[in-house]
Amino acid sequence: MKLQTLRQRAFARELAPVATQIEREETIMANDNTLGQLNIELFSELHRLREIDVADVAALDAEVKRSKAVEGIARMVIDNAKTVLSAAEMRAEYSKDATMPRMLEG
C-alpha cells in the first residue's frame, strides 16, 4: 500500500499520530541517512517517551519497546560507522591508493 493511501486513511479515521508517523517516515526516506539524522531520530524518540502518559501502561509499554528497537538499530548504525572510519584510517595510514571493499567506502 502506498504511503499516500495510508496517509489519507489515517486522516479519514482521525488518526493524527499515525499520519504524523507516516510523514516522519517519508522525511527520513527523503533525507540522507547520516549520523546527524540518526541523532535527530534518537532525540525524537526521547520526546515521544516524555509525552507518554505514565498512567497509560499499554502505551508506555509499547513506546518502551519501540525505543529499545530504535536503540538496537542505532547501535548497529554507529558500529557500522566505526567500521567505515577504521577502514578509512587504515587506508590513510598505509596507502591512499589501496582499493577498499565497496561496502567500506562510506
PDB file of N, CA and C in Angstrom:
ATOM      1  N   MET A   1       0.839  -1.174   0.000  1.00  0.00           N
ATOM      2  CA  MET A   1       0.000   0.000   0.000  1.00  0.00           C
ATOM      3  C   MET A   1       0.891   1.246   0.000  1.00  0.00           C
ATOM      4  N   LYS A   2       0.547   2.189  -0.835  1.00  0.00           N
ATOM      5  CA  LYS A   2       1.359   3.395  -0.947  1.00  0.00           C
ATOM      6  C   LYS A   2       1.192   4.289   0.273  1.00  0.00           C
ATOM      7  N   LEU A   3       2.261   5.038   0.574  1.00  0.00           N
ATOM      8  CA  LEU A   3       2.233   5.933   1.736  1.00  0.00           C
ATOM      9  C   LEU A   3       1.126   6.968   1.622  1.00  0.00           C
ATOM     10  N   GLN A   4       0.863   7.454   0.410  1.00  0.00           N
ATOM     11  CA  GLN A   4      -0.189   8.451   0.208  1.00  0.00           C
ATOM     12  C   GLN A   4      -1.545   7.879   0.623  1.00  0.00           C
ATOM     13  N   THR A   5      -1.809   6.639   0.255  1.00  0.00           N
ATOM     14  CA  THR A   5      -3.066   5.990   0.616  1.00  0.00           C
ATOM     15  C   THR A   5      -3.167   5.818   2.127  1.00  0.00           C
ATOM     16  N   LEU A   6      -2.063   5.396   2.758  1.00  0.00           N
ATOM     17  CA  LEU A   6      -2.055   5.244   4.209  1.00  0.00           C
ATOM     18  C   LEU A   6      -2.318   6.571   4.901  1.00  0.00           C
ATOM     19  N   ARG A   7      -1.705   7.626   4.398  1.00  0.00           N
ATOM     20  CA  ARG A   7      -1.899   8.949   4.993  1.00  0.00           C
ATOM     21  C   ARG A   7      -3.372   9.366   4.884  1.00  0.00           C
ATOM     22  N   GLN A   8      -3.968   9.169   3.714  1.00  0.00           N
ATOM     23  CA  GLN A   8      -5.367   9.546   3.525  1.00  0.00           C
ATOM     24  C   GLN A   8      -6.284   8.771   4.466  1.00  0.00           C
ATOM     25  N   ARG A   9      -6.025   7.466   4.620  1.00  0.00           N
ATOM     26  CA  ARG A   9      -6.836   6.655   5.531  1.00  0.00           C
ATOM     27  C   ARG A   9      -6.656   7.114   6.981  1.00  0.00           C
ATOM     28  N   ALA A  10      -5.429   7.441   7.341  1.00  0.00           N
ATOM     29  CA  ALA A  10      -5.167   7.879   8.714  1.00  0.00           C
ATOM     30  C   ALA A  10      -5.922   9.163   9.017  1.00  0.00           C
ATOM     31  N   PHE A  11      -5.886  10.131   8.086  1.00  0.00           N
ATOM     32  CA  PHE A  11      -6.597  11.376   8.317  1.00  0.00           C
ATOM     33  C   PHE A  11      -8.115  11.150   8.295  1.00  0.00           C
ATOM     34  N   ALA A  12      -8.588  10.266   7.414  1.00  0.00           N
ATOM     35  CA  ALA A  12     -10.021   9.980   7.328  1.00  0.00           C
ATOM     36  C   ALA A  12     -10.534   9.378   8.635  1.00  0.00           C
ATOM     37  N   ARG A  13      -9.720   8.618   9.290  1.00  0.00           N
ATOM     38  CA  ARG A  13     -10.116   7.993  10.551  1.00  0.00           C
ATOM     39  C   ARG A  13      -9.685   8.817  11.761  1.00  0.00           C
ATOM     40  N   GLU A  14      -9.190  10.006  11.489  1.00  0.00           N
ATOM     41  CA  GLU A  14      -8.733  10.909  12.543  1.00  0.00           C
ATOM     42  C   GLU A  14      -7.635  10.277  13.396  1.00  0.00           C
ATOM     43  N   LEU A  15      -6.728   9.615  12.730  1.00  0.00           N
ATOM     44  CA  LEU A  15      -5.588   9.008  13.412  1.00  0.00           C
ATOM     45  C   LEU A  15      -4.363   9.888  13.190  1.00  0.00           C
ATOM     46  N   ALA A  16      -4.412  11.053  13.756  1.00  0.00           N
ATOM     47  CA  ALA A  16      -3.333  12.021  13.566  1.00  0.00           C
ATOM     48  C   ALA A  16      -1.964  11.467  13.945  1.00  0.00           C
ATOM     49  N   PRO A  17      -1.816  10.730  15.060  1.00  0.00           N
ATOM     50  CA  PRO A  17      -0.486  10.199  15.385  1.00  0.00           C
ATOM     51  C   PRO A  17       0.055   9.261  14.302  1.00  0.00           C
ATOM     52  N   VAL A  18      -0.824   8.467  13.711  1.00  0.00           N
ATOM     53  CA  VAL A  18      -0.388   7.571  12.632  1.00  0.00           C
ATOM     54  C   VAL A  18       0.041   8.388  11.424  1.00  0.00           C
ATOM     55  N   ALA A  19      -0.749   9.386  11.081  1.00  0.00           N
ATOM     56  CA  ALA A  19      -0.404  10.238   9.946  1.00  0.00           C
ATOM     57  C   ALA A  19       0.910  10.966  10.188  1.00  0.00           C
ATOM     58  N   THR A  20       1.117  11.424  11.418  1.00  0.00           N
ATOM     59  CA  THR A  20       2.370  12.100  11.763  1.00  0.00           C
ATOM     60  C   THR A  20       3.548  11.156  11.611  1.00  0.00           C
ATOM     61  N   GLN A  21       3.386   9.914  12.063  1.00  0.00           N
ATOM     62  CA  GLN A  21       4.460   8.928  11.931  1.00  0.00           C
ATOM     63  C   GLN A  21       4.764   8.644  10.468  1.00  0.00           C
ATOM     64  N   ILE A  22       3.735   8.548   9.649  1.00  0.00           N
ATOM     65  CA  ILE A  22       3.944   8.327   8.211  1.00  0.00           C
ATOM     66  C   ILE A  22       4.743   9.483   7.622  1.00  0.00           C
ATOM     67  N   GLU A  23       4.404  10.701   8.000  1.00  0.00           N
ATOM     68  CA  GLU A  23       5.135  11.858   7.500  1.00  0.00           C
ATOM     69  C   GLU A  23       6.590  11.841   7.966  1.00  0.00           C
ATOM     70  N   ARG A  24       6.840  11.408   9.213  1.00  0.00           N
ATOM     71  CA  ARG A  24       8.217  11.284   9.701  1.00  0.00           C
ATOM     72  C   ARG A  24       8.987  10.270   8.874  1.00  0.00           C
ATOM     73  N   GLU A  25       8.338   9.134   8.590  1.00  0.00           N
ATOM     74  CA  GLU A  25       8.997   8.091   7.799  1.00  0.00           C
ATOM     75  C   GLU A  25       9.318   8.602   6.398  1.00  0.00           C
ATOM     76  N   GLU A  26       8.403   9.360   5.807  1.00  0.00           N
ATOM     77  CA  GLU A  26       8.661   9.925   4.487  1.00  0.00           C
ATOM     78  C   GLU A  26       9.845  10.884   4.528  1.00  0.00           C
ATOM     79  N   THR A  27       9.919  11.684   5.590  1.00  0.00           N
ATOM     80  CA  THR A  27      11.028  12.623   5.739  1.00  0.00           C
ATOM     81  C   THR A  27      12.348  11.875   5.860  1.00  0.00           C
ATOM     82  N   ILE A  28      12.338  10.802   6.632  1.00  0.00           N
ATOM     83  CA  ILE A  28      13.545  10.001   6.800  1.00  0.00           C
ATOM     84  C   ILE A  28      13.988   9.427   5.464  1.00  0.00           C
ATOM     85  N   MET A  29      13.028   8.896   4.711  1.00  0.00           N
ATOM     86  CA  MET A  29      13.367   8.283   3.428  1.00  0.00           C
ATOM     87  C   MET A  29      13.867   9.327   2.435  1.00  0.00           C
ATOM     88  N   ALA A  30      13.357  10.556   2.528  1.00  0.00           N
ATOM     89  CA  ALA A  30      13.745  11.600   1.589  1.00  0.00           C
ATOM     90  C   ALA A  30      15.122  12.178   1.910  1.00  0.00           C
ATOM     91  N   ASN A  31      15.518  12.139   3.174  1.00  0.00           N
ATOM     92  CA  ASN A  31      16.801  12.709   3.589  1.00  0.00           C
ATOM     93  C   ASN A  31      17.915  11.688   3.468  1.00  0.00           C
ATOM     94  N   ASP A  32      19.126  12.200   3.487  1.00  0.00           N
ATOM     95  CA  ASP A  32      20.279  11.307   3.524  1.00  0.00           C
ATOM     96  C   ASP A  32      20.286  10.560   4.840  1.00  0.00           C
ATOM     97  N   ASN A  33      20.720   9.331   4.792  1.00  0.00           N
ATOM     98  CA  ASN A  33      20.869   8.554   6.020  1.00  0.00           C
ATOM     99  C   ASN A  33      22.239   8.864   6.596  1.00  0.00           C
ATOM    100  N   THR A  34      22.264   9.792   7.545  1.00  0.00           N
ATOM    101  CA  THR A  34      23.517  10.238   8.133  1.00  0.00           C
ATOM    102  C   THR A  34      23.471  10.055   9.640  1.00  0.00           C
ATOM    103  N   LEU A  35      24.624  10.172  10.272  1.00  0.00           N
ATOM    104  CA  LEU A  35      24.660  10.119  11.733  1.00  0.00           C
ATOM    105  C   LEU A  35      23.928  11.313  12.330  1.00  0.00           C
ATOM    106  N   GLY A  36      23.937  12.426  11.635  1.00  0.00           N
ATOM    107  CA  GLY A  36      23.172  13.589  12.085  1.00  0.00           C
ATOM    108  C   GLY A  36      21.683  13.291  12.097  1.00  0.00           C
ATOM    109  N   GLN A  37      21.202  12.623  11.059  1.00  0.00           N
ATOM    110  CA  GLN A  37      19.798  12.247  11.001  1.00  0.00           C
ATOM    111  C   GLN A  37      19.469  11.239  12.100  1.00  0.00           C
ATOM    112  N   LEU A  38      20.395  10.324  12.340  1.00  0.00           N
ATOM    113  CA  LEU A  38      20.204   9.357  13.425  1.00  0.00           C
ATOM    114  C   LEU A  38      20.069  10.086  14.756  1.00  0.00           C
ATOM    115  N   ASN A  39      20.889  11.086  14.975  1.00  0.00           N
ATOM    116  CA  ASN A  39      20.823  11.875  16.202  1.00  0.00           C
ATOM    117  C   ASN A  39      19.450  12.532  16.347  1.00  0.00           C
ATOM    118  N   ILE A  40      18.931  13.064  15.264  1.00  0.00           N
ATOM    119  CA  ILE A  40      17.599  13.682  15.287  1.00  0.00           C
ATOM    120  C   ILE A  40      16.545  12.643  15.665  1.00  0.00           C
ATOM    121  N   GLU A  41      16.659  11.457  15.085  1.00  0.00           N
ATOM    122  CA  GLU A  41      15.694  10.398  15.381  1.00  0.00           C
ATOM    123  C   GLU A  41      15.765   9.963  16.843  1.00  0.00           C
ATOM    124  N   LEU A  42      16.967   9.871  17.376  1.00  0.00           N
ATOM    125  CA  LEU A  42      17.109   9.479  18.780  1.00  0.00           C
ATOM    126  C   LEU A  42      16.481  10.511  19.710  1.00  0.00           C
ATOM    127  N   PHE A  43      16.680  11.785  19.404  1.00  0.00           N
ATOM    128  CA  PHE A  43      16.054  12.821  20.227  1.00  0.00           C
ATOM    129  C   PHE A  43      14.539  12.826  20.043  1.00  0.00           C
ATOM    130  N   SER A  44      14.070  12.510  18.853  1.00  0.00           N
ATOM    131  CA  SER A  44      12.624  12.405  18.632  1.00  0.00           C
ATOM    132  C   SER A  44      12.031  11.303  19.495  1.00  0.00           C
ATOM    133  N   GLU A  45      12.750  10.193  19.601  1.00  0.00           N
ATOM    134  CA  GLU A  45      12.275   9.094  20.446  1.00  0.00           C
ATOM    135  C   GLU A  45      12.238   9.519  21.911  1.00  0.00           C
ATOM    136  N   LEU A  46      13.236  10.285  22.351  1.00  0.00           N
ATOM    137  CA  LEU A  46      13.208  10.808  23.724  1.00  0.00           C
ATOM    138  C   LEU A  46      11.967  11.665  23.960  1.00  0.00           C
ATOM    139  N   HIS A  47      11.647  12.502  22.990  1.00  0.00           N
ATOM    140  CA  HIS A  47      10.466  13.353  23.121  1.00  0.00           C
ATOM    141  C   HIS A  47       9.196  12.512  23.185  1.00  0.00           C
ATOM    142  N   ARG A  48       9.116  11.470  22.346  1.00  0.00           N
ATOM    143  CA  ARG A  48       7.933  10.604  22.387  1.00  0.00           C
ATOM    144  C   ARG A  48       7.801   9.928  23.750  1.00  0.00           C
ATOM    145  N   LEU A  49       8.920   9.492  24.307  1.00  0.00           N
ATOM    146  CA  LEU A  49       8.875   8.857  25.626  1.00  0.00           C
ATOM    147  C   LEU A  49       8.379   9.828  26.692  1.00  0.00           C
ATOM    148  N   ARG A  50       8.810  11.089  26.596  1.00  0.00           N
ATOM    149  CA  ARG A  50       8.381  12.086  27.580  1.00  0.00           C
ATOM    150  C   ARG A  50       6.899  12.409  27.467  1.00  0.00           C
ATOM    151  N   GLU A  51       6.355  12.276  26.259  1.00  0.00           N
ATOM    152  CA  GLU A  51       4.959  12.643  26.032  1.00  0.00           C
ATOM    153  C   GLU A  51       3.969  11.564  26.461  1.00  0.00           C
ATOM    154  N   ILE A  52       4.439  10.362  26.732  1.00  0.00           N
ATOM    155  CA  ILE A  52       3.548   9.261  27.105  1.00  0.00           C
ATOM    156  C   ILE A  52       2.995   9.497  28.508  1.00  0.00           C
ATOM    157  N   ASP A  53       1.714   9.275  28.645  1.00  0.00           N
ATOM    158  CA  ASP A  53       1.067   9.351  29.959  1.00  0.00           C
ATOM    159  C   ASP A  53       1.449   8.092  30.726  1.00  0.00           C
ATOM    160  N   VAL A  54       2.163   8.255  31.833  1.00  0.00           N
ATOM    161  CA  VAL A  54       2.638   7.098  32.591  1.00  0.00           C
ATOM    162  C   VAL A  54       1.485   6.269  33.158  1.00  0.00           C
ATOM    163  N   ALA A  55       0.305   6.845  33.239  1.00  0.00           N
ATOM    164  CA  ALA A  55      -0.854   6.096  33.704  1.00  0.00           C
ATOM    165  C   ALA A  55      -1.356   5.124  32.635  1.00  0.00           C
ATOM    166  N   ASP A  56      -1.036   5.398  31.379  1.00  0.00           N
ATOM    167  CA  ASP A  56      -1.439   4.517  30.264  1.00  0.00           C
ATOM    168  C   ASP A  56      -0.364   3.453  30.094  1.00  0.00           C
ATOM    169  N   VAL A  57      -0.497   2.395  30.856  1.00  0.00           N
ATOM    170  CA  VAL A  57       0.531   1.354  30.914  1.00  0.00           C
ATOM    171  C   VAL A  57       0.767   0.721  29.539  1.00  0.00           C
ATOM    172  N   ALA A  58      -0.290   0.477  28.800  1.00  0.00           N
ATOM    173  CA  ALA A  58      -0.146  -0.160  27.478  1.00  0.00           C
ATOM    174  C   ALA A  58       0.641   0.734  26.526  1.00  0.00           C
ATOM    175  N   ALA A  59       0.314   2.014  26.503  1.00  0.00           N
ATOM    176  CA  ALA A  59       1.023   2.940  25.623  1.00  0.00           C
ATOM    177  C   ALA A  59       2.475   3.084  26.044  1.00  0.00           C
ATOM    178  N   LEU A  60       2.695   3.150  27.349  1.00  0.00           N
ATOM    179  CA  LEU A  60       4.058   3.264  27.857  1.00  0.00           C
ATOM    180  C   LEU A  60       4.867   2.029  27.494  1.00  0.00           C
ATOM    181  N   ASP A  61       4.279   0.856  27.672  1.00  0.00           N
ATOM    182  CA  ASP A  61       4.964  -0.394  27.332  1.00  0.00           C
ATOM    183  C   ASP A  61       5.304  -0.441  25.845  1.00  0.00           C
ATOM    184  N   ALA A  62       4.347  -0.050  25.010  1.00  0.00           N
ATOM    185  CA  ALA A  62       4.581  -0.055  23.559  1.00  0.00           C
ATOM    186  C   ALA A  62       5.703   0.910  23.180  1.00  0.00           C
ATOM    187  N   GLU A  63       5.719   2.089  23.783  1.00  0.00           N
ATOM    188  CA  GLU A  63       6.744   3.072  23.446  1.00  0.00           C
ATOM    189  C   GLU A  63       8.111   2.647  23.952  1.00  0.00           C
ATOM    190  N   VAL A  64       8.163   2.005  25.106  1.00  0.00           N
ATOM    191  CA  VAL A  64       9.440   1.497  25.626  1.00  0.00           C
ATOM    192  C   VAL A  64       9.985   0.420  24.687  1.00  0.00           C
ATOM    193  N   LYS A  65       9.119  -0.465  24.213  1.00  0.00           N
ATOM    194  CA  LYS A  65       9.547  -1.490  23.252  1.00  0.00           C
ATOM    195  C   LYS A  65      10.067  -0.848  21.974  1.00  0.00           C
ATOM    196  N   ARG A  66       9.358   0.176  21.528  1.00  0.00           N
ATOM    197  CA  ARG A  66       9.784   0.890  20.312  1.00  0.00           C
ATOM    198  C   ARG A  66      11.146   1.535  20.538  1.00  0.00           C
ATOM    199  N   SER A  67      11.327   2.163  21.695  1.00  0.00           N
ATOM    200  CA  SER A  67      12.594   2.844  21.965  1.00  0.00           C
ATOM    201  C   SER A  67      13.747   1.849  22.035  1.00  0.00           C
ATOM    202  N   LYS A  68      13.485   0.646  22.545  1.00  0.00           N
ATOM    203  CA  LYS A  68      14.531  -0.380  22.572  1.00  0.00           C
ATOM    204  C   LYS A  68      14.885  -0.834  21.165  1.00  0.00           C
ATOM    205  N   ALA A  69      13.896  -0.917  20.302  1.00  0.00           N
ATOM    206  CA  ALA A  69      14.162  -1.271  18.904  1.00  0.00           C
ATOM    207  C   ALA A  69      14.982  -0.177  18.225  1.00  0.00           C
ATOM    208  N   VAL A  70      14.612   1.077  18.473  1.00  0.00           N
ATOM    209  CA  VAL A  70      15.361   2.209  17.911  1.00  0.00           C
ATOM    210  C   VAL A  70      16.797   2.181  18.413  1.00  0.00           C
ATOM    211  N   GLU A  71      16.970   1.916  19.699  1.00  0.00           N
ATOM    212  CA  GLU A  71      18.310   1.852  20.282  1.00  0.00           C
ATOM    213  C   GLU A  71      19.145   0.762  19.606  1.00  0.00           C
ATOM    214  N   GLY A  72      18.559  -0.408  19.404  1.00  0.00           N
ATOM    215  CA  GLY A  72      19.292  -1.506  18.774  1.00  0.00           C
ATOM    216  C   GLY A  72      19.739  -1.166  17.364  1.00  0.00           C
ATOM    217  N   ILE A  73      18.852  -0.555  16.601  1.00  0.00           N
ATOM    218  CA  ILE A  73      19.204  -0.158  15.237  1.00  0.00           C
ATOM    219  C   ILE A  73      20.264   0.934  15.267  1.00  0.00           C
ATOM    220  N   ALA A  74      20.115   1.884  16.180  1.00  0.00           N
ATOM    221  CA  ALA A  74      21.103   2.970  16.294  1.00  0.00           C
ATOM    222  C   ALA A  74      22.482   2.416  16.607  1.00  0.00           C
ATOM    223  N   ARG A  75      22.537   1.438  17.498  1.00  0.00           N
ATOM    224  CA  ARG A  75      23.832   0.826  17.838  1.00  0.00           C
ATOM    225  C   ARG A  75      24.471   0.180  16.616  1.00  0.00           C
ATOM    226  N   MET A  76      23.647  -0.495  15.810  1.00  0.00           N
ATOM    227  CA  MET A  76      24.180  -1.125  14.601  1.00  0.00           C
ATOM    228  C   MET A  76      24.704  -0.079  13.619  1.00  0.00           C
ATOM    229  N   VAL A  77      23.964   1.010  13.459  1.00  0.00           N
ATOM    230  CA  VAL A  77      24.394   2.080  12.549  1.00  0.00           C
ATOM    231  C   VAL A  77      25.711   2.676  13.031  1.00  0.00           C
ATOM    232  N   ILE A  78      25.807   2.933  14.326  1.00  0.00           N
ATOM    233  CA  ILE A  78      27.024   3.523  14.892  1.00  0.00           C
ATOM    234  C   ILE A  78      28.200   2.551  14.765  1.00  0.00           C
ATOM    235  N   ASP A  79      27.972   1.269  15.040  1.00  0.00           N
ATOM    236  CA  ASP A  79      29.038   0.278  14.876  1.00  0.00           C
ATOM    237  C   ASP A  79      29.509   0.212  13.430  1.00  0.00           C
ATOM    238  N   ASN A  80      28.574   0.294  12.508  1.00  0.00           N
ATOM    239  CA  ASN A  80      28.936   0.290  11.099  1.00  0.00           C
ATOM    240  C   ASN A  80      29.765   1.525  10.743  1.00  0.00           C
ATOM    241  N   ALA A  81      29.369   2.672  11.280  1.00  0.00           N
ATOM    242  CA  ALA A  81      30.124   3.902  11.022  1.00  0.00           C
ATOM    243  C   ALA A  81      31.539   3.799  11.583  1.00  0.00           C
ATOM    244  N   LYS A  82      31.671   3.182  12.758  1.00  0.00           N
ATOM    245  CA  LYS A  82      33.004   2.979  13.340  1.00  0.00           C
ATOM    246  C   LYS A  82      33.866   2.100  12.443  1.00  0.00           C
ATOM    247  N   THR A  83      33.262   1.075  11.850  1.00  0.00           N
ATOM    248  CA  THR A  83      33.997   0.184  10.944  1.00  0.00           C
ATOM    249  C   THR A  83      34.472   0.948   9.716  1.00  0.00           C
ATOM    250  N   VAL A  84      33.601   1.759   9.148  1.00  0.00           N
ATOM    251  CA  VAL A  84      33.976   2.556   7.975  1.00  0.00           C
ATOM    252  C   VAL A  84      35.086   3.532   8.330  1.00  0.00           C
ATOM    253  N   LEU A  85      34.983   4.178   9.493  1.00  0.00           N
ATOM    254  CA  LEU A  85      36.009   5.120   9.937  1.00  0.00           C
ATOM    255  C   LEU A  85      37.343   4.405  10.138  1.00  0.00           C
ATOM    256  N   SER A  86      37.306   3.259  10.770  1.00  0.00           N
ATOM    257  CA  SER A  86      38.522   2.483  10.996  1.00  0.00           C
ATOM    258  C   SER A  86      39.176   2.098   9.669  1.00  0.00           C
ATOM    259  N   ALA A  87      38.370   1.670   8.719  1.00  0.00           N
ATOM    260  CA  ALA A  87      38.906   1.308   7.407  1.00  0.00           C
ATOM    261  C   ALA A  87      39.536   2.519   6.719  1.00  0.00           C
ATOM    262  N   ALA A  88      38.884   3.669   6.829  1.00  0.00           N
ATOM    263  CA  ALA A  88      39.432   4.889   6.221  1.00  0.00           C
ATOM    264  C   ALA A  88      40.743   5.293   6.887  1.00  0.00           C
ATOM    265  N   GLU A  89      40.826   5.144   8.204  1.00  0.00           N
ATOM    266  CA  GLU A  89      42.063   5.475   8.928  1.00  0.00           C
ATOM    267  C   GLU A  89      43.200   4.544   8.505  1.00  0.00           C
ATOM    268  N   MET A  90      42.898   3.264   8.379  1.00  0.00           N
ATOM    269  CA  MET A  90      43.926   2.306   7.956  1.00  0.00           C
ATOM    270  C   MET A  90      44.396   2.609   6.530  1.00  0.00           C
ATOM    271  N   ARG A  91      43.446   2.956   5.679  1.00  0.00           N
ATOM    272  CA  ARG A  91      43.801   3.282   4.297  1.00  0.00           C
ATOM    273  C   ARG A  91      44.713   4.502   4.273  1.00  0.00           C
ATOM    274  N   ALA A  92      44.375   5.529   5.051  1.00  0.00           N
ATOM    275  CA  ALA A  92      45.180   6.742   5.088  1.00  0.00           C
ATOM    276  C   ALA A  92      46.571   6.466   5.650  1.00  0.00           C
ATOM    277  N   GLU A  93      46.648   5.580   6.615  1.00  0.00           N
ATOM    278  CA  GLU A  93      47.929   5.276   7.245  1.00  0.00           C
ATOM    279  C   GLU A  93      48.845   4.457   6.341  1.00  0.00           C
ATOM    280  N   TYR A  94      48.289   3.497   5.645  1.00  0.00           N
ATOM    281  CA  TYR A  94      49.129   2.561   4.903  1.00  0.00           C
ATOM    282  C   TYR A  94      49.254   2.855   3.417  1.00  0.00           C
ATOM    283  N   SER A  95      48.193   3.253   2.781  1.00  0.00           N
ATOM    284  CA  SER A  95      48.278   3.522   1.349  1.00  0.00           C
ATOM    285  C   SER A  95      46.995   4.180   0.861  1.00  0.00           C
ATOM    286  N   LYS A  96      47.143   5.398   0.381  1.00  0.00           N
ATOM    287  CA  LYS A  96      45.973   6.105  -0.138  1.00  0.00           C
ATOM    288  C   LYS A  96      45.498   5.503  -1.451  1.00  0.00           C
ATOM    289  N   ASP A  97      46.372   4.751  -2.107  1.00  0.00           N
ATOM    290  CA  ASP A  97      45.999   4.148  -3.382  1.00  0.00           C
ATOM    291  C   ASP A  97      45.371   2.771  -3.228  1.00  0.00           C
ATOM    292  N   ALA A  98      45.314   2.270  -2.000  1.00  0.00           N
ATOM    293  CA  ALA A  98      44.748   0.936  -1.781  1.00  0.00           C
ATOM    294  C   ALA A  98      43.268   0.940  -2.127  1.00  0.00           C
ATOM    295  N   THR A  99      42.826  -0.117  -2.751  1.00  0.00           N
ATOM    296  CA  THR A  99      41.403  -0.229  -3.046  1.00  0.00           C
ATOM    297  C   THR A  99      40.694  -0.754  -1.804  1.00  0.00           C
ATOM    298  N   MET A 100      39.530  -0.218  -1.590  1.00  0.00           N
ATOM    299  CA  MET A 100      38.742  -0.597  -0.423  1.00  0.00           C
ATOM    300  C   MET A 100      37.564  -1.445  -0.913  1.00  0.00           C
ATOM    301  N   PRO A 101      37.147  -2.393  -0.099  1.00  0.00           N
ATOM    302  CA  PRO A 101      35.910  -3.079  -0.443  1.00  0.00           C
ATOM    303  C   PRO A 101      34.790  -2.062  -0.549  1.00  0.00           C
ATOM    304  N   ARG A 102      33.935  -2.219  -1.508  1.00  0.00           N
ATOM    305  CA  ARG A 102      32.894  -1.233  -1.770  1.00  0.00           C
ATOM    306  C   ARG A 102      32.046  -0.955  -0.514  1.00  0.00           C
ATOM    307  N   MET A 103      31.773  -1.985   0.278  1.00  0.00           N
ATOM    308  CA  MET A 103      30.918  -1.782   1.451  1.00  0.00           C
ATOM    309  C   MET A 103      31.565  -0.917   2.520  1.00  0.00           C
ATOM    310  N   LEU A 104      32.891  -0.702   2.444  1.00  0.00           N
ATOM    311  CA  LEU A 104      33.593   0.109   3.437  1.00  0.00           C
ATOM    312  C   LEU A 104      33.903   1.525   2.955  1.00  0.00           C
ATOM    313  N   GLU A 105      33.417   1.877   1.804  1.00  0.00           N
ATOM    314  CA  GLU A 105      33.721   3.193   1.257  1.00  0.00           C
ATOM    315  C   GLU A 105      33.011   4.315   1.975  1.00  0.00           C
ATOM    316  N   GLY A 106      31.929   4.026   2.687  1.00  0.00           N
ATOM    317  CA  GLY A 106      31.231   5.040   3.491  1.00  0.00           C
ATOM    318  C   GLY A 106      30.332   5.918   2.760  1.00  0.00           C
TER     319      GLY A 106
END
